[in-house]
Amino acid sequence: MSSDAARPGRRGLLLVISSPSGAGKTSLSRRLAGCHAEIELSISATTRSPRPGESDGREYHFVTRQAFDSRAAAGEFLEWAEVHEHRYGTPRAPVLAALSAGRDVLFDIDWQGAAAVAAALPEDTVRLFILPPSMAALAARLHGRAQDAEDVIARRLSRARGEIARWGDYDYVIVNDDFDRAYAEIETIYLAERLRRVRNGWLGPFVDALTSE
């Protein structure tokens, strides 16, 4: 499904979704974007290598450490952070262009990136954190996707508790114990946030015209 196209005067929103690795944020984010044409996925730049099935420009922009550092020094990132020994950054220009055009941007980033986006654009940012139903379930998901070596999985699980501890920084928190239910909750939040008065500048002129009839 998809809602109506953006009205003139509407400002977009930034929906930032975070979770520990393996809790489901990427799958949920991509389903939401696939169901709502007005959403753009923010494609981060990263210094890590592509995983099996990933391609440049779709999941990430894969760049060298030198290229990343050069762009960061030039102020081209809205935010950037080092996570699991690799750097990730959000290109600034496409995000600002989308907001001004009334389009919404969906971020699949960690708590550090979420905090930086919220600090840079506090009125535009909605933060949502996804929790696993248990640490055992999180470990099973990481092993089940068969993308990382055992030592990498061990580091991700070790860091997950610290990431989960940031849940209180977020506007909304969802437990992903059932994928379809978690998705429905995220979609409800997204649609409600689109309707906030402050994001719909077209309402003022509409009401003026309505009351002058």
N, C-alpha and C. Protein backbone atom coordinates (compact mmCIF):
# COMPACT_ATOMS: atom_id res chain seq x y z
N MET A 1 0.83 -1.19 0.00
CA MET A 1 0.00 0.00 0.00
C MET A 1 0.87 1.24 0.00
N SER A 2 0.29 2.34 -0.39
CA SER A 2 1.02 3.61 -0.39
C SER A 2 0.03 4.73 -0.17
N SER A 3 0.41 5.73 0.61
CA SER A 3 -0.47 6.87 0.85
C SER A 3 -0.36 7.84 -0.31
N ASP A 4 -1.19 8.90 -0.27
CA ASP A 4 -1.20 9.89 -1.34
C ASP A 4 0.16 10.55 -1.48
N ALA A 5 0.42 11.06 -2.67
CA ALA A 5 1.67 11.78 -2.92
C ALA A 5 1.74 13.01 -2.02
N ALA A 6 2.94 13.46 -1.75
CA ALA A 6 3.14 14.60 -0.87
C ALA A 6 2.45 15.84 -1.42
N ARG A 7 1.73 16.56 -0.56
CA ARG A 7 1.08 17.81 -0.96
C ARG A 7 2.11 18.93 -1.00
N PRO A 8 1.88 19.95 -1.83
CA PRO A 8 2.77 21.11 -1.82
C PRO A 8 2.80 21.74 -0.43
N GLY A 9 3.97 22.05 0.07
CA GLY A 9 4.09 22.63 1.40
C GLY A 9 4.31 21.61 2.50
N ARG A 10 4.26 20.32 2.16
CA ARG A 10 4.56 19.30 3.17
C ARG A 10 6.06 19.11 3.29
N ARG A 11 6.56 19.01 4.54
CA ARG A 11 7.97 18.71 4.77
C ARG A 11 8.10 17.24 5.11
N GLY A 12 9.12 16.60 4.57
CA GLY A 12 9.33 15.20 4.83
C GLY A 12 9.76 14.94 6.26
N LEU A 13 9.88 13.67 6.62
CA LEU A 13 10.37 13.29 7.94
C LEU A 13 11.50 12.30 7.79
N LEU A 14 12.29 12.18 8.83
CA LEU A 14 13.40 11.22 8.89
C LEU A 14 13.02 10.14 9.90
N LEU A 15 12.78 8.93 9.42
CA LEU A 15 12.45 7.82 10.30
C LEU A 15 13.71 7.00 10.50
N VAL A 16 14.24 7.05 11.71
CA VAL A 16 15.50 6.40 12.04
C VAL A 16 15.21 5.12 12.82
N ILE A 17 15.59 3.98 12.27
CA ILE A 17 15.36 2.70 12.92
C ILE A 17 16.70 2.08 13.31
N SER A 18 16.80 1.72 14.58
CA SER A 18 18.04 1.11 15.10
C SER A 18 17.70 -0.18 15.84
N SER A 19 18.70 -1.04 15.95
CA SER A 19 18.57 -2.27 16.74
C SER A 19 19.95 -2.88 16.84
N PRO A 20 20.14 -3.81 17.77
CA PRO A 20 21.38 -4.59 17.71
C PRO A 20 21.38 -5.45 16.45
N SER A 21 22.54 -5.78 15.96
CA SER A 21 22.65 -6.59 14.75
C SER A 21 21.90 -7.90 14.92
N GLY A 22 21.02 -8.21 13.95
CA GLY A 22 20.27 -9.45 13.99
C GLY A 22 18.87 -9.32 14.54
N ALA A 23 18.48 -8.13 15.02
CA ALA A 23 17.15 -7.97 15.62
C ALA A 23 16.07 -7.68 14.60
N GLY A 24 16.46 -7.42 13.34
CA GLY A 24 15.45 -7.31 12.30
C GLY A 24 15.25 -5.95 11.67
N LYS A 25 16.09 -4.97 12.01
CA LYS A 25 15.81 -3.63 11.50
C LYS A 25 15.92 -3.52 9.98
N THR A 26 16.85 -4.25 9.38
CA THR A 26 17.01 -4.14 7.93
C THR A 26 15.82 -4.75 7.19
N SER A 27 15.37 -5.91 7.61
CA SER A 27 14.22 -6.54 6.95
C SER A 27 12.96 -5.70 7.13
N LEU A 28 12.74 -5.17 8.32
CA LEU A 28 11.56 -4.35 8.58
C LEU A 28 11.63 -3.03 7.80
N SER A 29 12.81 -2.44 7.75
CA SER A 29 12.98 -1.18 7.02
C SER A 29 12.68 -1.35 5.55
N ARG A 30 13.20 -2.41 4.97
CA ARG A 30 13.02 -2.61 3.53
C ARG A 30 11.58 -2.98 3.19
N ARG A 31 10.90 -3.65 4.09
CA ARG A 31 9.48 -3.92 3.83
C ARG A 31 8.69 -2.61 3.87
N LEU A 32 8.97 -1.75 4.83
CA LEU A 32 8.25 -0.48 4.92
C LEU A 32 8.49 0.36 3.66
N ALA A 33 9.74 0.44 3.25
CA ALA A 33 10.06 1.22 2.05
C ALA A 33 9.41 0.63 0.82
N GLY A 34 9.34 -0.69 0.75
CA GLY A 34 8.73 -1.34 -0.40
C GLY A 34 7.23 -1.14 -0.48
N CYS A 35 6.59 -0.86 0.66
CA CYS A 35 5.14 -0.68 0.70
C CYS A 35 4.72 0.78 0.57
N HIS A 36 5.66 1.70 0.67
CA HIS A 36 5.32 3.13 0.65
C HIS A 36 6.26 3.86 -0.31
N ALA A 37 5.72 4.23 -1.46
CA ALA A 37 6.54 4.83 -2.51
C ALA A 37 7.11 6.18 -2.11
N GLU A 38 6.53 6.83 -1.12
CA GLU A 38 7.02 8.15 -0.71
C GLU A 38 8.26 8.06 0.18
N ILE A 39 8.68 6.87 0.53
CA ILE A 39 9.86 6.68 1.37
C ILE A 39 11.08 6.43 0.51
N GLU A 40 12.17 7.12 0.84
CA GLU A 40 13.47 6.84 0.25
C GLU A 40 14.36 6.20 1.31
N LEU A 41 15.06 5.16 0.94
CA LEU A 41 16.04 4.57 1.85
C LEU A 41 17.32 5.39 1.82
N SER A 42 17.81 5.75 2.98
CA SER A 42 19.10 6.42 3.05
C SER A 42 20.17 5.36 2.85
N ILE A 43 20.97 5.53 1.81
CA ILE A 43 22.03 4.57 1.52
C ILE A 43 23.33 5.10 2.10
N SER A 44 23.82 4.44 3.13
CA SER A 44 25.03 4.88 3.81
C SER A 44 26.28 4.49 3.02
N ALA A 45 27.33 5.24 3.23
CA ALA A 45 28.66 4.84 2.76
C ALA A 45 29.32 4.03 3.87
N THR A 46 30.07 3.02 3.50
CA THR A 46 30.75 2.20 4.50
C THR A 46 32.11 1.73 3.98
N THR A 47 33.00 1.50 4.94
CA THR A 47 34.33 1.00 4.59
C THR A 47 34.40 -0.53 4.66
N ARG A 48 33.31 -1.18 5.09
CA ARG A 48 33.36 -2.65 5.15
C ARG A 48 33.15 -3.24 3.76
N SER A 49 33.52 -4.50 3.61
CA SER A 49 33.36 -5.20 2.34
C SER A 49 31.91 -5.67 2.18
N PRO A 50 31.45 -5.81 0.94
CA PRO A 50 30.08 -6.32 0.73
C PRO A 50 29.94 -7.75 1.24
N ARG A 51 28.76 -8.05 1.81
CA ARG A 51 28.43 -9.41 2.19
C ARG A 51 27.85 -10.12 0.97
N PRO A 52 27.76 -11.44 1.01
CA PRO A 52 27.15 -12.16 -0.13
C PRO A 52 25.76 -11.62 -0.45
N GLY A 53 25.53 -11.32 -1.72
CA GLY A 53 24.23 -10.81 -2.15
C GLY A 53 24.10 -9.31 -2.13
N GLU A 54 25.04 -8.60 -1.52
CA GLU A 54 24.98 -7.14 -1.48
C GLU A 54 25.65 -6.55 -2.72
N SER A 55 25.17 -5.39 -3.15
CA SER A 55 25.78 -4.71 -4.29
C SER A 55 25.94 -3.23 -3.99
N ASP A 56 26.93 -2.63 -4.59
CA ASP A 56 27.23 -1.23 -4.36
C ASP A 56 26.08 -0.35 -4.83
N GLY A 57 25.66 0.59 -3.97
CA GLY A 57 24.59 1.51 -4.32
C GLY A 57 23.21 1.02 -3.95
N ARG A 58 23.09 -0.24 -3.54
CA ARG A 58 21.79 -0.78 -3.13
C ARG A 58 21.74 -0.88 -1.60
N GLU A 59 22.54 -1.77 -1.01
CA GLU A 59 22.59 -1.83 0.45
C GLU A 59 23.45 -0.69 1.01
N TYR A 60 24.62 -0.48 0.41
CA TYR A 60 25.56 0.56 0.85
C TYR A 60 26.33 1.08 -0.36
N HIS A 61 26.97 2.24 -0.17
CA HIS A 61 28.02 2.68 -1.07
C HIS A 61 29.32 2.19 -0.44
N PHE A 62 29.97 1.23 -1.05
CA PHE A 62 31.19 0.64 -0.50
C PHE A 62 32.40 1.46 -0.96
N VAL A 63 33.13 2.03 -0.01
CA VAL A 63 34.24 2.92 -0.33
C VAL A 63 35.46 2.53 0.49
N THR A 64 36.61 3.02 0.08
CA THR A 64 37.84 2.78 0.83
C THR A 64 37.87 3.67 2.07
N ARG A 65 38.71 3.32 3.02
CA ARG A 65 38.87 4.16 4.22
C ARG A 65 39.36 5.56 3.84
N GLN A 66 40.27 5.63 2.88
CA GLN A 66 40.80 6.93 2.47
C GLN A 66 39.70 7.80 1.86
N ALA A 67 38.88 7.21 0.99
CA ALA A 67 37.80 7.98 0.36
C ALA A 67 36.77 8.42 1.40
N PHE A 68 36.49 7.54 2.34
CA PHE A 68 35.52 7.87 3.40
C PHE A 68 36.02 9.05 4.22
N ASP A 69 37.28 8.97 4.66
CA ASP A 69 37.84 10.02 5.49
C ASP A 69 37.89 11.36 4.76
N SER A 70 38.15 11.31 3.47
CA SER A 70 38.17 12.54 2.67
C SER A 70 36.79 13.18 2.63
N ARG A 71 35.75 12.38 2.45
CA ARG A 71 34.39 12.91 2.41
C ARG A 71 33.96 13.43 3.78
N ALA A 72 34.36 12.73 4.83
CA ALA A 72 34.02 13.18 6.18
C ALA A 72 34.67 14.53 6.48
N ALA A 73 35.93 14.68 6.09
CA ALA A 73 36.64 15.94 6.32
C ALA A 73 36.01 17.09 5.55
N ALA A 74 35.41 16.78 4.41
CA ALA A 74 34.76 17.82 3.58
C ALA A 74 33.35 18.15 4.07
N GLY A 75 32.89 17.48 5.12
CA GLY A 75 31.55 17.75 5.66
C GLY A 75 30.43 17.17 4.83
N GLU A 76 30.71 16.12 4.06
CA GLU A 76 29.69 15.56 3.17
C GLU A 76 28.73 14.61 3.87
N PHE A 77 29.02 14.25 5.14
CA PHE A 77 28.15 13.33 5.86
C PHE A 77 27.30 14.08 6.88
N LEU A 78 26.02 13.71 6.94
CA LEU A 78 25.14 14.23 7.99
C LEU A 78 25.58 13.68 9.33
N GLU A 79 26.01 12.43 9.33
CA GLU A 79 26.57 11.77 10.52
C GLU A 79 27.48 10.65 10.05
N TRP A 80 28.42 10.29 10.91
CA TRP A 80 29.21 9.09 10.63
C TRP A 80 29.74 8.53 11.94
N ALA A 81 30.00 7.24 11.94
CA ALA A 81 30.48 6.58 13.16
C ALA A 81 31.26 5.34 12.78
N GLU A 82 32.06 4.86 13.72
CA GLU A 82 32.78 3.60 13.54
C GLU A 82 32.07 2.52 14.32
N VAL A 83 31.65 1.45 13.64
CA VAL A 83 30.88 0.37 14.24
C VAL A 83 31.48 -0.96 13.79
N HIS A 84 31.79 -1.82 14.76
CA HIS A 84 32.36 -3.13 14.44
C HIS A 84 33.59 -3.00 13.52
N GLU A 85 34.48 -2.06 13.86
CA GLU A 85 35.75 -1.83 13.15
C GLU A 85 35.59 -1.28 11.74
N HIS A 86 34.40 -0.83 11.39
CA HIS A 86 34.20 -0.23 10.07
C HIS A 86 33.48 1.10 10.23
N ARG A 87 33.65 1.99 9.27
CA ARG A 87 33.01 3.30 9.32
C ARG A 87 31.77 3.34 8.44
N TYR A 88 30.75 4.03 8.94
CA TYR A 88 29.49 4.19 8.23
C TYR A 88 29.10 5.66 8.28
N GLY A 89 28.62 6.19 7.16
CA GLY A 89 28.23 7.60 7.14
C GLY A 89 27.03 7.85 6.24
N THR A 90 26.22 8.85 6.60
CA THR A 90 25.03 9.21 5.82
C THR A 90 25.32 10.43 4.96
N PRO A 91 25.28 10.32 3.64
CA PRO A 91 25.47 11.49 2.78
C PRO A 91 24.45 12.58 3.09
N ARG A 92 24.91 13.81 3.26
CA ARG A 92 24.06 14.91 3.70
C ARG A 92 23.12 15.43 2.60
N ALA A 93 23.63 15.66 1.40
CA ALA A 93 22.88 16.36 0.35
C ALA A 93 21.56 15.68 -0.01
N PRO A 94 21.54 14.36 -0.26
CA PRO A 94 20.27 13.74 -0.64
C PRO A 94 19.21 13.79 0.45
N VAL A 95 19.62 13.77 1.71
CA VAL A 95 18.67 13.83 2.82
C VAL A 95 17.99 15.20 2.86
N LEU A 96 18.78 16.25 2.78
CA LEU A 96 18.21 17.60 2.82
C LEU A 96 17.31 17.87 1.61
N ALA A 97 17.70 17.35 0.45
CA ALA A 97 16.88 17.53 -0.74
C ALA A 97 15.54 16.82 -0.60
N ALA A 98 15.54 15.62 -0.03
CA ALA A 98 14.30 14.87 0.15
C ALA A 98 13.37 15.59 1.12
N LEU A 99 13.89 16.08 2.23
CA LEU A 99 13.06 16.79 3.20
C LEU A 99 12.37 17.98 2.57
N SER A 100 13.13 18.77 1.84
CA SER A 100 12.59 19.98 1.22
C SER A 100 11.52 19.64 0.18
N ALA A 101 11.65 18.50 -0.47
CA ALA A 101 10.70 18.09 -1.50
C ALA A 101 9.49 17.36 -0.93
N GLY A 102 9.42 17.21 0.40
CA GLY A 102 8.29 16.54 1.01
C GLY A 102 8.37 15.03 1.00
N ARG A 103 9.55 14.49 0.73
CA ARG A 103 9.72 13.05 0.74
C ARG A 103 10.29 12.61 2.09
N ASP A 104 10.02 11.38 2.45
CA ASP A 104 10.47 10.83 3.73
C ASP A 104 11.70 9.96 3.53
N VAL A 105 12.60 9.99 4.50
CA VAL A 105 13.85 9.23 4.40
C VAL A 105 13.91 8.23 5.56
N LEU A 106 14.18 7.00 5.23
CA LEU A 106 14.26 5.93 6.22
C LEU A 106 15.72 5.55 6.43
N PHE A 107 16.14 5.57 7.70
CA PHE A 107 17.52 5.27 8.07
C PHE A 107 17.59 3.94 8.80
N ASP A 108 18.50 3.08 8.38
CA ASP A 108 18.80 1.82 9.06
C ASP A 108 20.21 2.00 9.63
N ILE A 109 20.30 2.60 10.83
CA ILE A 109 21.60 2.96 11.39
C ILE A 109 21.66 2.64 12.88
N ASP A 110 22.85 2.66 13.45
CA ASP A 110 23.04 2.33 14.85
C ASP A 110 22.72 3.54 15.74
N TRP A 111 22.81 3.34 17.06
CA TRP A 111 22.40 4.38 18.00
C TRP A 111 23.27 5.63 17.90
N GLN A 112 24.55 5.47 17.55
CA GLN A 112 25.40 6.64 17.40
C GLN A 112 24.93 7.52 16.24
N GLY A 113 24.65 6.87 15.11
CA GLY A 113 24.15 7.60 13.97
C GLY A 113 22.80 8.22 14.23
N ALA A 114 21.93 7.49 14.93
CA ALA A 114 20.61 8.02 15.26
C ALA A 114 20.71 9.27 16.10
N ALA A 115 21.61 9.26 17.08
CA ALA A 115 21.79 10.43 17.93
C ALA A 115 22.31 11.62 17.13
N ALA A 116 23.21 11.36 16.20
CA ALA A 116 23.77 12.45 15.40
C ALA A 116 22.73 13.04 14.46
N VAL A 117 21.90 12.19 13.84
CA VAL A 117 20.84 12.70 12.95
C VAL A 117 19.85 13.53 13.75
N ALA A 118 19.47 13.03 14.93
CA ALA A 118 18.51 13.77 15.76
C ALA A 118 19.09 15.10 16.24
N ALA A 119 20.38 15.13 16.50
CA ALA A 119 21.01 16.38 16.93
C ALA A 119 21.07 17.39 15.78
N ALA A 120 21.31 16.88 14.56
CA ALA A 120 21.43 17.78 13.41
C ALA A 120 20.07 18.30 12.94
N LEU A 121 19.04 17.44 12.99
CA LEU A 121 17.71 17.81 12.48
C LEU A 121 16.64 17.34 13.46
N PRO A 122 16.59 17.94 14.65
CA PRO A 122 15.72 17.43 15.71
C PRO A 122 14.23 17.49 15.40
N GLU A 123 13.78 18.51 14.68
CA GLU A 123 12.35 18.64 14.39
C GLU A 123 11.88 17.68 13.33
N ASP A 124 12.80 17.16 12.56
CA ASP A 124 12.45 16.27 11.44
C ASP A 124 12.60 14.79 11.77
N THR A 125 13.23 14.48 12.89
CA THR A 125 13.65 13.10 13.17
C THR A 125 12.69 12.37 14.10
N VAL A 126 12.34 11.15 13.73
CA VAL A 126 11.58 10.22 14.57
C VAL A 126 12.46 8.99 14.76
N ARG A 127 12.75 8.66 16.02
CA ARG A 127 13.64 7.54 16.31
C ARG A 127 12.85 6.33 16.83
N LEU A 128 13.16 5.15 16.29
CA LEU A 128 12.47 3.92 16.64
C LEU A 128 13.50 2.83 16.89
N PHE A 129 13.39 2.15 18.02
CA PHE A 129 14.36 1.10 18.39
C PHE A 129 13.66 -0.25 18.40
N ILE A 130 14.33 -1.25 17.83
CA ILE A 130 13.78 -2.60 17.77
C ILE A 130 14.57 -3.51 18.71
N LEU A 131 13.85 -4.16 19.61
CA LEU A 131 14.44 -5.10 20.56
C LEU A 131 14.19 -6.54 20.12
N PRO A 132 15.15 -7.44 20.37
CA PRO A 132 14.88 -8.87 20.15
C PRO A 132 14.05 -9.39 21.32
N PRO A 133 13.33 -10.50 21.14
CA PRO A 133 12.55 -11.04 22.27
C PRO A 133 13.42 -11.60 23.39
N SER A 134 14.64 -12.00 23.05
CA SER A 134 15.58 -12.52 24.06
C SER A 134 16.97 -12.52 23.45
N MET A 135 17.98 -12.62 24.29
CA MET A 135 19.35 -12.70 23.79
C MET A 135 19.59 -14.02 23.07
N ALA A 136 18.92 -15.08 23.52
CA ALA A 136 19.06 -16.38 22.85
C ALA A 136 18.51 -16.31 21.43
N ALA A 137 17.39 -15.62 21.27
CA ALA A 137 16.81 -15.47 19.93
C ALA A 137 17.72 -14.64 19.04
N LEU A 138 18.34 -13.62 19.62
CA LEU A 138 19.26 -12.79 18.85
C LEU A 138 20.45 -13.63 18.37
N ALA A 139 21.00 -14.44 19.25
CA ALA A 139 22.13 -15.30 18.87
C ALA A 139 21.72 -16.27 17.77
N ALA A 140 20.52 -16.83 17.88
CA ALA A 140 20.05 -17.78 16.87
C ALA A 140 19.89 -17.10 15.51
N ARG A 141 19.42 -15.86 15.49
CA ARG A 141 19.26 -15.15 14.23
C ARG A 141 20.62 -14.85 13.59
N LEU A 142 21.58 -14.45 14.40
CA LEU A 142 22.91 -14.16 13.86
C LEU A 142 23.55 -15.42 13.28
N HIS A 143 23.40 -16.53 13.96
CA HIS A 143 23.95 -17.79 13.44
C HIS A 143 23.17 -18.25 12.21
N GLY A 144 21.86 -18.03 12.23
CA GLY A 144 21.02 -18.52 11.15
C GLY A 144 21.23 -17.83 9.83
N ARG A 145 21.65 -16.57 9.85
CA ARG A 145 21.83 -15.89 8.57
C ARG A 145 23.15 -16.26 7.90
N ALA A 146 24.06 -16.90 8.62
CA ALA A 146 25.29 -17.47 8.06
C ALA A 146 26.08 -16.47 7.21
N GLN A 147 26.19 -15.25 7.72
CA GLN A 147 26.92 -14.22 7.00
C GLN A 147 28.26 -13.87 7.64
N ASP A 148 28.42 -14.20 8.91
CA ASP A 148 29.60 -13.77 9.64
C ASP A 148 30.31 -14.96 10.28
N ALA A 149 31.62 -14.80 10.48
CA ALA A 149 32.41 -15.81 11.18
C ALA A 149 32.03 -15.83 12.66
N GLU A 150 32.38 -16.91 13.33
CA GLU A 150 32.01 -17.07 14.74
C GLU A 150 32.56 -15.96 15.62
N ASP A 151 33.79 -15.52 15.34
CA ASP A 151 34.35 -14.47 16.18
C ASP A 151 33.62 -13.15 15.98
N VAL A 152 33.14 -12.90 14.76
CA VAL A 152 32.37 -11.68 14.48
C VAL A 152 31.03 -11.74 15.20
N ILE A 153 30.38 -12.90 15.16
CA ILE A 153 29.11 -13.07 15.86
C ILE A 153 29.29 -12.86 17.36
N ALA A 154 30.36 -13.39 17.91
CA ALA A 154 30.63 -13.23 19.34
C ALA A 154 30.79 -11.76 19.70
N ARG A 155 31.47 -10.98 18.84
CA ARG A 155 31.64 -9.55 19.12
C ARG A 155 30.31 -8.81 19.03
N ARG A 156 29.49 -9.20 18.05
CA ARG A 156 28.18 -8.55 17.89
C ARG A 156 27.30 -8.81 19.11
N LEU A 157 27.31 -10.03 19.60
CA LEU A 157 26.51 -10.35 20.79
C LEU A 157 27.04 -9.63 22.02
N SER A 158 28.35 -9.51 22.12
CA SER A 158 28.94 -8.82 23.25
C SER A 158 28.53 -7.35 23.27
N ARG A 159 28.46 -6.74 22.09
CA ARG A 159 28.11 -5.32 22.00
C ARG A 159 26.61 -5.08 22.05
N ALA A 160 25.82 -6.13 21.83
CA ALA A 160 24.37 -5.95 21.76
C ALA A 160 23.80 -5.39 23.06
N ARG A 161 24.32 -5.82 24.19
CA ARG A 161 23.80 -5.32 25.47
C ARG A 161 24.02 -3.82 25.61
N GLY A 162 25.18 -3.35 25.17
CA GLY A 162 25.44 -1.92 25.22
C GLY A 162 24.53 -1.15 24.28
N GLU A 163 24.23 -1.74 23.10
CA GLU A 163 23.33 -1.09 22.15
C GLU A 163 21.91 -1.06 22.69
N ILE A 164 21.48 -2.17 23.28
CA ILE A 164 20.13 -2.24 23.86
C ILE A 164 19.97 -1.23 24.98
N ALA A 165 21.04 -0.94 25.69
CA ALA A 165 20.97 0.02 26.80
C ALA A 165 20.59 1.42 26.33
N ARG A 166 20.67 1.69 25.02
CA ARG A 166 20.32 3.02 24.49
C ARG A 166 18.84 3.15 24.16
N TRP A 167 18.04 2.16 24.47
CA TRP A 167 16.63 2.16 24.08
C TRP A 167 15.89 3.40 24.58
N GLY A 168 16.29 3.92 25.72
CA GLY A 168 15.61 5.08 26.30
C GLY A 168 15.81 6.37 25.53
N ASP A 169 16.73 6.38 24.56
CA ASP A 169 16.96 7.57 23.75
C ASP A 169 15.93 7.71 22.62
N TYR A 170 15.10 6.70 22.43
CA TYR A 170 14.24 6.63 21.25
C TYR A 170 12.80 7.05 21.56
N ASP A 171 12.10 7.51 20.51
CA ASP A 171 10.71 7.92 20.65
C ASP A 171 9.77 6.73 20.78
N TYR A 172 10.10 5.66 20.08
CA TYR A 172 9.29 4.44 20.08
C TYR A 172 10.20 3.23 20.22
N VAL A 173 9.68 2.19 20.90
CA VAL A 173 10.44 0.94 21.08
C VAL A 173 9.50 -0.22 20.77
N ILE A 174 9.95 -1.14 19.93
CA ILE A 174 9.15 -2.28 19.51
C ILE A 174 9.93 -3.57 19.76
N VAL A 175 9.26 -4.58 20.30
CA VAL A 175 9.87 -5.90 20.48
C VAL A 175 9.52 -6.75 19.26
N ASN A 176 10.53 -7.19 18.54
CA ASN A 176 10.31 -7.98 17.32
C ASN A 176 10.25 -9.46 17.66
N ASP A 177 9.14 -9.85 18.31
CA ASP A 177 8.93 -11.27 18.59
C ASP A 177 8.04 -11.92 17.53
N ASP A 178 7.42 -11.09 16.69
CA ASP A 178 6.62 -11.56 15.56
C ASP A 178 6.80 -10.54 14.45
N PHE A 179 7.37 -10.97 13.32
CA PHE A 179 7.75 -10.02 12.28
C PHE A 179 6.56 -9.22 11.75
N ASP A 180 5.46 -9.89 11.45
CA ASP A 180 4.31 -9.18 10.88
C ASP A 180 3.72 -8.17 11.87
N ARG A 181 3.67 -8.54 13.13
CA ARG A 181 3.14 -7.60 14.13
C ARG A 181 4.09 -6.42 14.30
N ALA A 182 5.39 -6.69 14.35
CA ALA A 182 6.36 -5.59 14.48
C ALA A 182 6.26 -4.65 13.28
N TYR A 183 6.10 -5.23 12.10
CA TYR A 183 5.95 -4.38 10.91
C TYR A 183 4.69 -3.51 11.00
N ALA A 184 3.58 -4.10 11.40
CA ALA A 184 2.33 -3.34 11.51
C ALA A 184 2.48 -2.18 12.49
N GLU A 185 3.20 -2.41 13.59
CA GLU A 185 3.41 -1.34 14.57
C GLU A 185 4.27 -0.22 13.98
N ILE A 186 5.31 -0.60 13.25
CA ILE A 186 6.17 0.41 12.63
C ILE A 186 5.39 1.21 11.60
N GLU A 187 4.58 0.54 10.80
CA GLU A 187 3.80 1.23 9.78
C GLU A 187 2.81 2.21 10.42
N THR A 188 2.19 1.81 11.52
CA THR A 188 1.27 2.70 12.24
C THR A 188 1.98 3.95 12.73
N ILE A 189 3.16 3.77 13.28
CA ILE A 189 3.94 4.91 13.76
C ILE A 189 4.28 5.84 12.61
N TYR A 190 4.74 5.27 11.51
CA TYR A 190 5.12 6.07 10.35
C TYR A 190 3.94 6.89 9.82
N LEU A 191 2.80 6.25 9.64
CA LEU A 191 1.65 6.96 9.09
C LEU A 191 1.16 8.06 10.04
N ALA A 192 1.21 7.80 11.34
CA ALA A 192 0.79 8.83 12.30
C ALA A 192 1.75 10.02 12.29
N GLU A 193 3.05 9.75 12.20
CA GLU A 193 4.03 10.83 12.20
C GLU A 193 3.91 11.68 10.94
N ARG A 194 3.51 11.09 9.82
CA ARG A 194 3.29 11.87 8.59
C ARG A 194 2.18 12.90 8.76
N LEU A 195 1.23 12.61 9.65
CA LEU A 195 0.07 13.48 9.81
C LEU A 195 0.28 14.61 10.82
N ARG A 196 1.44 14.68 11.46
CA ARG A 196 1.68 15.76 12.42
C ARG A 196 1.50 17.11 11.74
N ARG A 197 0.81 17.99 12.45
CA ARG A 197 0.50 19.31 11.89
C ARG A 197 1.74 20.05 11.45
N VAL A 198 2.82 19.98 12.21
CA VAL A 198 4.01 20.76 11.90
C VAL A 198 4.69 20.32 10.61
N ARG A 199 4.37 19.11 10.13
CA ARG A 199 4.97 18.63 8.89
C ARG A 199 4.09 18.91 7.67
N ASN A 200 2.96 19.52 7.89
CA ASN A 200 2.01 19.72 6.81
C ASN A 200 1.68 21.20 6.67
N GLY A 201 2.62 21.93 6.08
CA GLY A 201 2.46 23.37 5.92
C GLY A 201 1.30 23.76 5.03
N TRP A 202 0.81 22.83 4.21
CA TRP A 202 -0.32 23.12 3.32
C TRP A 202 -1.62 23.33 4.10
N LEU A 203 -1.66 22.88 5.37
CA LEU A 203 -2.90 22.98 6.13
C LEU A 203 -3.31 24.42 6.40
N GLY A 204 -2.32 25.30 6.67
CA GLY A 204 -2.66 26.70 6.95
C GLY A 204 -3.42 27.35 5.81
N PRO A 205 -2.86 27.37 4.59
CA PRO A 205 -3.59 27.93 3.46
C PRO A 205 -4.92 27.22 3.19
N PHE A 206 -4.95 25.90 3.41
CA PHE A 206 -6.18 25.15 3.19
C PHE A 206 -7.28 25.62 4.15
N VAL A 207 -6.91 25.78 5.43
CA VAL A 207 -7.89 26.23 6.43
C VAL A 207 -8.34 27.67 6.13
N ASP A 208 -7.39 28.53 5.72
CA ASP A 208 -7.75 29.91 5.37
C ASP A 208 -8.79 29.92 4.24
N ALA A 209 -8.54 29.08 3.23
CA ALA A 209 -9.47 29.04 2.10
C ALA A 209 -10.80 28.44 2.52
N LEU A 210 -10.74 27.44 3.39
CA LEU A 210 -11.94 26.76 3.86
C LEU A 210 -12.85 27.72 4.62
N THR A 211 -12.24 28.51 5.50
CA THR A 211 -13.04 29.40 6.35
C THR A 211 -13.45 30.68 5.65
N SER A 212 -12.90 30.94 4.47
CA SER A 212 -13.30 32.15 3.75
C SER A 212 -14.41 31.88 2.75
N GLU A 213 -14.85 30.62 2.66
CA GLU A 213 -15.93 30.30 1.71
C GLU A 213 -17.25 30.90 2.15
